């Protein structure tokens, strides 16, 4: 299979037999092609090592995010359990109203702070 951008062109073989000069030329061309191939293999090896390092780094970040999400989920679940327990206690409606107003005030203060920053 020949590629369009492949620079190798075979030498014409003469039917009278190989000459030492043409054999040396073929040998030199093979050495040059082998050296180019060695350089390309080195570049590919370096690239695959870099890709492997990046994959390990991204995996580490994703595992950290996953752990953070698990902790946040547990914290949120505990908080919701407390809120439900607070609502079931006597006077829970009044306390829920105070909590709702507190949350609104906090969000309003944050909005004002970020808007005029």
Protein backbone atom coordinates (compact mmCIF):
# COMPACT_ATOMS: atom_id res chain seq x y z
CA UNK A 1 0.00 0.00 0.00
CA UNK A 2 1.49 3.30 -1.05
CA UNK A 3 0.64 6.62 0.56
CA UNK A 4 0.69 9.85 -1.38
CA UNK A 5 2.94 11.69 1.05
CA UNK A 6 5.43 8.84 1.47
CA UNK A 7 8.80 10.06 0.13
CA UNK A 8 10.27 6.64 -0.66
CA UNK A 9 10.61 5.78 -4.34
CA UNK A 10 12.22 2.43 -5.21
CA UNK A 11 15.27 2.41 -7.45
CA UNK A 12 14.97 0.82 -10.85
CA UNK A 13 16.54 -2.63 -10.86
CA UNK A 14 18.77 -3.40 -13.81
CA UNK A 15 18.38 -6.88 -15.26
CA UNK A 16 22.12 -7.43 -15.74
CA UNK A 17 22.58 -7.98 -11.99
CA UNK A 18 23.18 -5.82 -8.95
CA UNK A 19 26.13 -3.50 -9.12
CA UNK A 20 28.09 -2.75 -5.97
CA UNK A 21 27.32 0.97 -6.34
CA UNK A 22 23.57 0.42 -6.59
CA UNK A 23 23.69 -2.02 -3.67
CA UNK A 24 25.48 0.60 -1.55
CA UNK A 25 22.89 3.20 -2.58
CA UNK A 26 20.08 0.87 -1.56
CA UNK A 27 21.82 0.15 1.73
CA UNK A 28 22.28 3.86 2.44
CA UNK A 29 18.64 4.53 1.58
CA UNK A 30 17.55 1.72 3.91
CA UNK A 31 19.69 3.15 6.71
CA UNK A 32 18.18 6.60 6.19
CA UNK A 33 14.64 5.16 6.20
CA UNK A 34 15.45 3.17 9.35
CA UNK A 35 16.75 6.31 11.07
CA UNK A 36 13.61 8.26 10.12
CA UNK A 37 11.47 5.40 11.41
CA UNK A 38 13.44 5.38 14.67
CA UNK A 39 12.79 9.11 15.13
CA UNK A 40 9.08 8.69 14.44
CA UNK A 41 8.86 5.79 16.90
CA UNK A 42 10.60 7.92 19.54
CA UNK A 43 8.11 10.75 18.94
CA UNK A 44 5.19 8.33 19.21
CA UNK A 45 6.60 6.85 22.43
CA UNK A 46 6.94 10.31 23.94
CA UNK A 47 3.40 11.17 22.88
CA UNK A 48 1.95 8.01 24.39
CA UNK A 49 3.78 8.65 27.66
CA UNK A 50 2.36 12.18 27.76
CA UNK A 51 -1.14 10.86 27.03
CA UNK A 52 -0.78 8.28 29.81
CA UNK A 53 0.32 10.96 32.28
CA UNK A 54 -2.62 13.16 31.31
CA UNK A 55 -5.08 10.26 31.69
CA UNK A 56 -3.73 9.46 35.16
CA UNK A 57 -4.01 13.14 36.16
CA UNK A 58 -7.59 13.42 34.84
CA UNK A 59 -8.52 10.16 36.60
CA UNK A 60 -7.16 11.54 39.87
CA UNK A 61 -9.23 14.71 39.45
CA UNK A 62 -12.39 12.77 38.64
CA UNK A 63 -11.93 10.51 41.67
CA UNK A 64 -11.53 13.62 43.84
CA UNK A 65 -14.72 15.10 42.43
CA UNK A 66 -16.53 11.83 43.00
CA UNK A 67 -15.39 11.74 46.63
CA UNK A 68 -16.46 15.36 47.14
CA UNK A 69 -19.89 14.63 45.65
CA UNK A 70 -20.32 11.62 47.96
CA UNK A 71 -19.46 13.74 51.01
CA UNK A 72 -21.79 16.52 49.87
CA UNK A 73 -24.60 14.05 49.26
CA UNK A 74 -24.20 12.66 52.78
CA UNK A 75 -24.11 16.14 54.29
CA UNK A 76 -27.21 17.20 52.34
CA UNK A 77 -29.06 14.03 53.36
CA UNK A 78 -28.31 14.67 57.04
CA UNK A 79 -29.42 18.28 56.71
CA UNK A 80 -32.69 17.32 55.04
CA UNK A 81 -33.36 14.77 57.78
CA UNK A 82 -32.88 17.48 60.40
CA UNK A 83 -35.16 19.89 58.52
CA UNK A 84 -37.92 17.27 58.26
CA UNK A 85 -37.54 16.45 61.95
CA UNK A 86 -37.71 20.16 62.80
CA UNK A 87 -40.86 20.59 60.69
CA UNK A 88 -42.57 17.68 62.47
CA UNK A 89 -41.95 19.16 65.92
CA UNK A 90 -44.43 21.56 67.48
CA UNK A 91 -44.19 25.12 66.14
CA UNK A 92 -42.40 23.84 63.04
CA UNK A 93 -44.35 26.08 60.66
CA UNK A 94 -43.14 29.23 62.37
CA UNK A 95 -39.54 27.98 62.47
CA UNK A 96 -39.72 27.00 58.77
CA UNK A 97 -40.95 30.51 57.94
CA UNK A 98 -38.02 32.03 59.85
CA UNK A 99 -35.59 29.71 58.11
CA UNK A 100 -37.05 30.57 54.69
CA UNK A 101 -36.77 34.29 55.40
CA UNK A 102 -33.20 33.81 56.61
CA UNK A 103 -32.28 32.02 53.37
CA UNK A 104 -33.89 34.78 51.30
CA UNK A 105 -31.96 37.45 53.20
CA UNK A 106 -28.68 35.59 52.75
CA UNK A 107 -29.25 35.16 49.00
CA UNK A 108 -30.25 38.82 48.68
CA UNK A 109 -27.07 39.94 50.46
CA UNK A 110 -24.98 37.68 48.24
CA UNK A 111 -26.71 39.01 45.12
CA UNK A 112 -26.13 42.64 46.17
CA UNK A 113 -22.49 41.89 47.04
CA UNK A 114 -21.78 40.20 43.71
CA UNK A 115 -23.67 42.79 41.68
CA UNK A 116 -21.75 45.77 43.01
CA UNK A 117 -18.37 44.11 43.31
